[in-house]
N, C-alpha and C. Protein backbone atom coordinates (compact mmCIF):
# COMPACT_ATOMS: atom_id res chain seq x y z
N MET A 1 0.91 -1.20 0.12
CA MET A 1 -0.24 -0.03 0.19
C MET A 1 0.94 1.29 -0.09
N ALA A 2 0.39 2.31 -1.19
CA ALA A 2 1.53 3.55 -0.73
C ALA A 2 1.31 4.25 0.14
N THR A 3 2.23 4.82 0.75
CA THR A 3 2.39 5.71 2.20
C THR A 3 1.81 6.74 1.88
N GLU A 4 0.90 7.39 0.39
CA GLU A 4 0.73 8.71 0.39
C GLU A 4 -0.91 8.42 0.69
N THR A 5 -1.02 6.93 0.93
CA THR A 5 -2.85 7.05 1.10
C THR A 5 -3.21 6.46 2.41
N LEU A 6 -4.14 6.70 2.93
CA LEU A 6 -4.40 5.74 4.32
C LEU A 6 -5.50 4.71 3.96
N THR A 7 -6.03 3.92 4.90
CA THR A 7 -6.85 2.74 4.72
C THR A 7 -7.91 3.81 5.20
N ILE A 8 -9.29 2.86 5.39
CA ILE A 8 -10.69 3.57 5.88
C ILE A 8 -10.18 3.72 7.63
N ASN A 9 -10.14 3.03 7.80
CA ASN A 9 -9.77 2.97 9.52
C ASN A 9 -8.85 4.19 9.98
N GLU A 10 -7.83 4.22 9.28
CA GLU A 10 -6.90 5.26 9.12
C GLU A 10 -7.40 6.47 9.21
N ALA A 11 -8.23 6.83 7.60
CA ALA A 11 -8.60 8.17 7.40
C ALA A 11 -9.90 8.48 8.77
N ALA A 12 -10.47 7.71 9.10
CA ALA A 12 -11.44 7.87 10.09
C ALA A 12 -10.85 8.28 11.29
N GLU A 13 -9.88 7.65 12.05
CA GLU A 13 -8.74 8.51 12.96
C GLU A 13 -8.87 9.65 12.89
N THR A 14 -8.30 9.93 11.40
CA THR A 14 -7.48 11.22 10.95
C THR A 14 -8.43 12.82 10.85
N THR A 15 -9.91 12.12 10.07
CA THR A 15 -11.01 12.86 9.90
C THR A 15 -11.79 13.26 11.12
N GLY A 16 -11.97 12.07 12.17
CA GLY A 16 -13.03 12.52 13.11
C GLY A 16 -14.42 12.19 12.32
N TRP A 17 -14.41 11.21 11.12
CA TRP A 17 -15.81 10.48 10.43
C TRP A 17 -15.32 8.67 10.97
N SER A 18 -16.54 8.31 11.04
CA SER A 18 -16.27 6.84 11.77
C SER A 18 -16.28 6.28 9.94
N PRO A 19 -15.55 4.74 10.09
CA PRO A 19 -15.64 4.19 8.94
C PRO A 19 -17.19 4.28 8.19
N ARG A 20 -17.96 3.85 9.34
CA ARG A 20 -19.19 3.62 8.69
C ARG A 20 -19.66 4.59 7.88
N MET A 21 -19.34 6.23 8.75
CA MET A 21 -20.17 7.56 7.58
C MET A 21 -19.24 7.67 6.73
N LEU A 22 -17.62 7.48 6.68
CA LEU A 22 -16.97 7.05 5.19
C LEU A 22 -17.68 6.64 4.24
N ARG A 23 -17.96 5.34 4.83
CA ARG A 23 -19.05 4.25 3.58
C ARG A 23 -19.91 5.18 3.09
N TYR A 24 -20.54 5.50 3.97
CA TYR A 24 -22.14 6.58 3.47
C TYR A 24 -21.50 7.27 2.73
N ILE A 25 -20.58 8.44 3.08
CA ILE A 25 -20.58 9.37 2.04
C ILE A 25 -19.81 9.04 0.99
N GLU A 26 -19.10 7.90 1.00
CA GLU A 26 -19.05 7.10 -0.51
C GLU A 26 -20.19 6.98 -1.20
N SER A 27 -20.82 6.15 -0.38
CA SER A 27 -22.12 5.67 -1.11
C SER A 27 -23.22 6.51 -2.36
N ILE A 28 -23.14 7.91 -1.46
CA ILE A 28 -23.78 9.07 -1.87
C ILE A 28 -23.27 9.90 -2.78
N GLY A 29 -21.80 9.42 -3.04
CA GLY A 29 -21.02 10.41 -4.30
C GLY A 29 -20.59 11.15 -3.73
N LEU A 30 -20.26 11.82 -2.29
CA LEU A 30 -19.78 13.04 -2.18
C LEU A 30 -18.00 13.28 -1.87
N VAL A 31 -17.61 11.93 -1.46
CA VAL A 31 -16.22 11.34 -1.61
C VAL A 31 -16.30 10.39 -1.81
N VAL A 32 -15.06 10.32 -2.78
CA VAL A 32 -15.41 8.60 -3.28
C VAL A 32 -13.28 8.29 -3.37
N PRO A 33 -12.92 7.38 -2.61
CA PRO A 33 -11.84 7.69 -2.62
C PRO A 33 -11.49 6.32 -3.58
N GLY A 34 -9.93 6.23 -4.04
CA GLY A 34 -9.66 5.10 -4.96
C GLY A 34 -9.73 3.92 -3.91
N ARG A 35 -9.23 2.97 -5.06
CA ARG A 35 -9.16 1.47 -4.60
C ARG A 35 -8.05 0.72 -4.34
N SER A 36 -7.36 0.02 -3.72
CA SER A 36 -6.48 -0.81 -4.00
C SER A 36 -6.70 -1.87 -4.92
N PRO A 37 -5.09 -2.44 -5.53
CA PRO A 37 -6.03 -3.89 -6.30
C PRO A 37 -6.47 -4.58 -5.89
N SER A 38 -6.60 -5.10 -4.32
CA SER A 38 -7.19 -5.85 -3.65
C SER A 38 -9.07 -5.83 -3.35
N GLY A 39 -9.10 -4.18 -3.63
CA GLY A 39 -10.12 -3.75 -3.22
C GLY A 39 -10.68 -2.65 -2.04
N TYR A 40 -9.70 -2.60 -1.20
CA TYR A 40 -9.35 -1.19 -0.33
C TYR A 40 -9.57 -0.41 -0.43
N ARG A 41 -10.39 0.48 0.15
CA ARG A 41 -10.33 1.80 0.14
C ARG A 41 -9.10 2.72 0.35
N LEU A 42 -8.42 3.43 -0.22
CA LEU A 42 -7.61 4.37 -0.28
C LEU A 42 -7.76 5.48 -0.24
N PHE A 43 -7.77 6.36 0.79
CA PHE A 43 -7.60 7.72 0.87
C PHE A 43 -6.44 8.71 0.66
N GLY A 44 -6.37 9.53 -0.04
CA GLY A 44 -5.43 10.39 -0.46
C GLY A 44 -5.34 11.88 0.20
N ALA A 45 -4.71 12.57 -0.01
CA ALA A 45 -4.95 14.10 0.40
C ALA A 45 -6.30 15.01 -0.43
N ALA A 46 -6.08 14.21 -1.19
CA ALA A 46 -7.49 15.11 -1.93
C ALA A 46 -8.80 14.88 -1.46
N GLU A 47 -8.51 13.39 -0.64
CA GLU A 47 -9.93 12.86 -0.23
C GLU A 47 -10.14 13.62 1.37
N LEU A 48 -9.11 13.32 1.79
CA LEU A 48 -9.41 14.25 3.15
C LEU A 48 -9.47 15.55 3.13
N GLN A 49 -8.98 16.26 2.03
CA GLN A 49 -9.17 17.76 2.26
C GLN A 49 -10.86 17.74 1.37
N ARG A 50 -11.84 17.00 0.74
CA ARG A 50 -12.73 16.97 0.55
C ARG A 50 -13.86 16.71 2.35
N LEU A 51 -13.47 15.69 2.89
CA LEU A 51 -14.08 15.16 4.08
C LEU A 51 -14.02 16.84 5.00
N ARG A 52 -12.90 17.17 5.06
CA ARG A 52 -12.66 18.56 6.11
C ARG A 52 -13.51 19.69 5.50
N THR A 53 -13.47 19.86 4.10
CA THR A 53 -14.07 20.92 3.35
C THR A 53 -15.83 20.77 3.77
N LEU A 54 -15.96 19.24 3.65
CA LEU A 54 -17.52 19.04 3.61
C LEU A 54 -17.92 18.65 5.17
N ARG A 55 -17.07 18.80 6.30
CA ARG A 55 -17.57 19.08 7.29
C ARG A 55 -17.61 20.65 7.76
N GLU A 56 -16.53 21.62 7.23
CA GLU A 56 -16.98 22.96 6.98
C GLU A 56 -17.96 23.35 7.01
N LEU A 57 -18.52 22.72 5.49
CA LEU A 57 -19.83 23.06 4.62
C LEU A 57 -20.75 22.94 5.51
N MET A 58 -21.08 22.13 6.08
CA MET A 58 -22.09 21.11 7.12
C MET A 58 -22.06 22.18 8.21
N HIS A 59 -21.16 23.00 8.71
CA HIS A 59 -21.10 22.95 10.01
C HIS A 59 -21.55 24.83 9.54
N ASP A 60 -21.02 25.38 8.94
CA ASP A 60 -20.93 27.02 8.16
C ASP A 60 -22.46 27.31 8.25
N HIS A 61 -23.44 26.50 7.42
CA HIS A 61 -24.06 26.18 6.81
C HIS A 61 -25.62 25.77 7.37
N ALA A 62 -25.11 25.03 8.64
CA ALA A 62 -26.21 24.39 9.51
C ALA A 62 -26.93 23.20 8.14
N VAL A 63 -26.17 22.43 7.49
CA VAL A 63 -26.99 21.53 6.75
C VAL A 63 -26.57 19.73 6.95
N ALA A 64 -27.36 19.11 6.80
CA ALA A 64 -26.73 17.83 7.28
C ALA A 64 -26.26 16.78 6.25
N LEU A 65 -25.61 15.60 6.13
CA LEU A 65 -25.02 15.19 5.58
C LEU A 65 -25.87 14.55 4.20
N GLY A 66 -26.90 14.25 4.45
CA GLY A 66 -28.12 13.87 3.22
C GLY A 66 -28.43 15.16 2.40
N GLU A 67 -28.76 16.34 3.08
CA GLU A 67 -29.02 17.58 2.14
C GLU A 67 -27.80 17.95 1.29
N VAL A 68 -26.50 17.86 1.65
CA VAL A 68 -25.52 17.92 1.02
C VAL A 68 -26.01 16.69 -0.43
N GLY A 69 -25.81 15.50 0.03
CA GLY A 69 -26.35 14.80 -1.19
C GLY A 69 -27.21 15.21 -1.93
N PHE A 70 -28.19 15.51 -1.65
CA PHE A 70 -29.40 15.88 -2.09
C PHE A 70 -29.16 17.25 -3.34
N ALA A 71 -28.50 17.84 -2.61
CA ALA A 71 -28.21 18.97 -3.47
C ALA A 71 -27.18 18.60 -4.85
N MET A 72 -26.35 17.37 -4.59
CA MET A 72 -25.77 17.30 -5.49
C MET A 72 -26.17 16.48 -6.40
N ARG A 73 -27.50 15.76 -6.02
CA ARG A 73 -28.27 14.90 -7.03
C ARG A 73 -28.96 16.15 -8.08
N LEU A 74 -29.26 17.44 -7.38
CA LEU A 74 -30.09 18.42 -7.86
C LEU A 74 -29.09 18.79 -9.06
N ARG A 75 -27.84 18.78 -8.95
CA ARG A 75 -27.10 19.57 -9.77
C ARG A 75 -26.60 18.58 -11.26
N SER A 76 -26.82 17.14 -10.80
CA SER A 76 -26.48 16.32 -11.56
C SER A 76 -27.68 15.38 -12.48
N LYS A 77 -28.60 15.49 -12.10
CA LYS A 77 -30.09 15.32 -12.34
C LYS A 77 -30.75 16.17 -12.63
N ALA A 78 -31.03 16.48 -14.25
CA ALA A 78 -31.93 17.75 -14.32
C ALA A 78 -33.32 17.16 -14.29
N THR A 79 -33.80 16.24 -14.67
CA THR A 79 -35.06 15.73 -14.15
C THR A 79 -35.77 16.20 -13.10
N LEU A 80 -34.96 15.88 -12.02
CA LEU A 80 -34.99 16.11 -10.24
C LEU A 80 -35.26 17.30 -10.38
N ALA A 81 -34.16 18.26 -10.81
CA ALA A 81 -34.15 19.55 -10.32
C ALA A 81 -35.23 20.46 -10.91
N ASP A 82 -35.71 19.93 -12.22
CA ASP A 82 -36.75 20.30 -12.69
C ASP A 82 -38.62 19.92 -11.89
N ALA A 83 -38.56 18.90 -11.29
CA ALA A 83 -39.46 18.17 -10.58
C ALA A 83 -39.63 19.32 -9.49
N VAL A 84 -38.40 19.21 -8.69
CA VAL A 84 -38.30 19.96 -7.39
C VAL A 84 -38.60 21.33 -7.74
N ASP A 85 -38.17 22.29 -8.52
CA ASP A 85 -38.52 23.32 -9.29
C ASP A 85 -40.10 23.46 -9.18
N ALA A 86 -40.40 22.58 -10.07
CA ALA A 86 -42.14 22.78 -10.52
C ALA A 86 -42.87 22.76 -9.18
N TRP A 87 -42.52 21.82 -8.32
CA TRP A 87 -43.29 21.81 -7.02
C TRP A 87 -43.38 22.94 -6.38
N LEU A 88 -41.92 23.55 -6.34
CA LEU A 88 -41.89 24.59 -5.34
C LEU A 88 -42.48 25.95 -5.92
N GLN A 89 -42.81 26.13 -7.11
CA GLN A 89 -43.33 27.07 -7.70
C GLN A 89 -45.04 26.58 -7.50
N ALA A 90 -45.36 25.46 -7.49
CA ALA A 90 -47.17 25.38 -7.66
C ALA A 90 -47.91 25.54 -6.29
N ARG A 91 -48.87 25.73 -6.80
CA ARG A 91 -49.63 26.36 -5.80
C ARG A 91 -51.00 25.57 -5.78
N PRO A 92 -50.94 25.01 -4.37
CA PRO A 92 -52.31 24.08 -4.50
C PRO A 92 -53.39 25.17 -4.97
N GLU A 93 -54.30 24.30 -5.55
CA GLU A 93 -55.96 25.14 -5.60
C GLU A 93 -57.09 23.96 -5.93
N ARG A 94 -58.08 24.50 -4.99
CA ARG A 94 -59.11 23.47 -4.78
C ARG A 94 -60.28 23.39 -6.24
N PRO A 95 -60.61 22.32 -6.53
CA PRO A 95 -60.99 21.94 -7.92
C PRO A 95 -62.41 23.15 -7.92
N ASP A 96 -62.60 23.66 -9.16
CA ASP A 96 -63.63 23.95 -9.01
C ASP A 96 -65.21 23.30 -8.78
N GLY A 97 -66.05 23.71 -8.00
CA GLY A 97 -67.02 23.05 -7.60
C GLY A 97 -67.05 22.11 -6.30
N THR A 98 -66.28 22.33 -6.07
CA THR A 98 -65.81 21.27 -5.21
C THR A 98 -65.66 21.75 -3.57
N THR A 99 -66.32 21.66 -2.56
CA THR A 99 -66.39 22.05 -1.21
C THR A 99 -64.79 21.60 -0.79
N ALA A 100 -64.54 22.84 0.15
CA ALA A 100 -63.37 22.60 1.38
C ALA A 100 -63.37 20.87 1.97
N ALA A 101 -64.37 20.52 2.31
CA ALA A 101 -64.63 19.36 3.11
C ALA A 101 -64.16 18.17 2.01
N ASP A 102 -65.00 18.31 0.68
CA ASP A 102 -64.72 17.41 -0.18
C ASP A 102 -63.25 17.14 -0.77
N TRP A 103 -62.83 18.68 -1.04
CA TRP A 103 -61.36 18.54 -1.15
C TRP A 103 -60.04 17.69 -0.38
N LEU A 104 -60.52 17.94 1.25
CA LEU A 104 -59.76 17.71 2.53
C LEU A 104 -60.30 16.34 2.08
N LYS A 105 -61.23 15.75 1.75
CA LYS A 105 -61.18 14.26 1.84
C LYS A 105 -60.73 13.46 0.98
N ARG A 106 -60.79 13.95 -0.77
CA ARG A 106 -59.91 13.39 -1.70
C ARG A 106 -58.64 13.34 -1.76
N GLU A 107 -58.06 14.69 -0.69
CA GLU A 107 -56.81 14.51 -0.60
C GLU A 107 -56.06 13.59 0.27
N GLN A 108 -56.84 13.12 1.67
CA GLN A 108 -56.61 12.55 2.36
C GLN A 108 -56.61 10.97 1.47
N ALA A 109 -57.56 10.65 1.03
CA ALA A 109 -57.78 9.45 0.05
C ALA A 109 -56.22 9.13 -0.72
N LYS A 110 -56.32 10.43 -1.20
CA LYS A 110 -55.01 9.82 -2.04
C LYS A 110 -53.63 9.63 -1.40
N HIS A 111 -53.61 10.52 -0.35
CA HIS A 111 -52.47 10.21 0.38
C HIS A 111 -52.38 8.89 1.11
N MET A 112 -53.90 8.28 1.59
CA MET A 112 -53.62 7.07 1.90
C MET A 112 -53.09 5.89 1.13
N ARG A 113 -53.51 6.00 -0.33
CA ARG A 113 -53.46 5.42 -1.46
C ARG A 113 -51.95 5.66 -1.54
N LEU A 114 -50.79 6.35 -1.26
CA LEU A 114 -49.41 6.38 -1.67
C LEU A 114 -48.97 5.83 -0.59
N LEU A 115 -49.88 5.88 0.74
CA LEU A 115 -48.91 5.43 2.14
C LEU A 115 -49.14 3.98 1.29
N ALA A 116 -49.87 3.12 1.17
CA ALA A 116 -50.13 2.08 0.91
C ALA A 116 -49.21 1.07 0.24
N LEU A 117 -49.04 2.03 -1.06
CA LEU A 117 -48.18 1.45 -2.21
C LEU A 117 -46.69 1.36 -1.89
N ALA A 118 -46.55 2.54 -0.86
CA ALA A 118 -45.02 2.97 -0.28
C ALA A 118 -44.75 1.94 1.00
N ALA A 119 -45.66 1.38 1.59
CA ALA A 119 -45.58 0.32 2.65
C ALA A 119 -44.42 -0.75 2.35
N PRO A 120 -44.87 -1.32 1.69
CA PRO A 120 -44.17 -2.29 1.04
C PRO A 120 -42.79 -1.97 0.50
N LEU A 121 -42.20 -0.89 0.31
CA LEU A 121 -40.94 -0.13 -0.06
C LEU A 121 -40.45 -0.09 1.40
N THR A 122 -41.31 0.13 2.11
CA THR A 122 -40.29 0.73 3.55
C THR A 122 -40.23 -0.62 4.72
N ASP A 123 -41.25 -1.69 4.33
CA ASP A 123 -41.06 -2.76 5.38
C ASP A 123 -42.15 -2.18 6.50
N GLU A 124 -42.66 -1.14 6.71
CA GLU A 124 -43.19 -0.61 7.68
C GLU A 124 -44.82 -1.28 7.89
N PRO A 125 -45.51 -1.22 8.73
CA PRO A 125 -46.91 -1.59 8.68
C PRO A 125 -47.23 -0.43 8.78
N MET A 126 -48.67 0.09 8.21
CA MET A 126 -49.73 0.68 7.89
C MET A 126 -50.34 1.03 9.00
N GLU A 127 -50.24 2.09 9.48
CA GLU A 127 -51.45 2.55 10.74
C GLU A 127 -52.98 2.69 10.20
N ASN A 128 -53.90 2.01 10.77
CA ASN A 128 -55.30 2.45 10.21
C ASN A 128 -55.56 4.07 10.68
N ALA A 129 -56.17 4.87 9.57
CA ALA A 129 -56.71 5.84 10.24
C ALA A 129 -58.27 6.14 10.38
């Protein structure tokens, strides 16, 4: 192993991130270390700098790791960015001829159908409403 790189455990000790967090940071694409021929993660100066500045970014702007990952996805996936922009700009409107109570019931029913569809994906049981 080259002396100018650190293993994941050495990088964790140096940076204050746990090995588990370093794996998570890699999985969301924020810092991707090189690999040894046998597949071990190797953190060089560039990766250590990215980890340090990532921590500073999170601290200075009070954002979470997942938020930084999402921001990166927004920059790399135009369809996601467009969908988020459209959602942020959209204003809810009650359909013509619908009472407020009926609109609420319709939206609740849509929400419950969506939760029922999502439940198998999360393996969490649905609560009866």
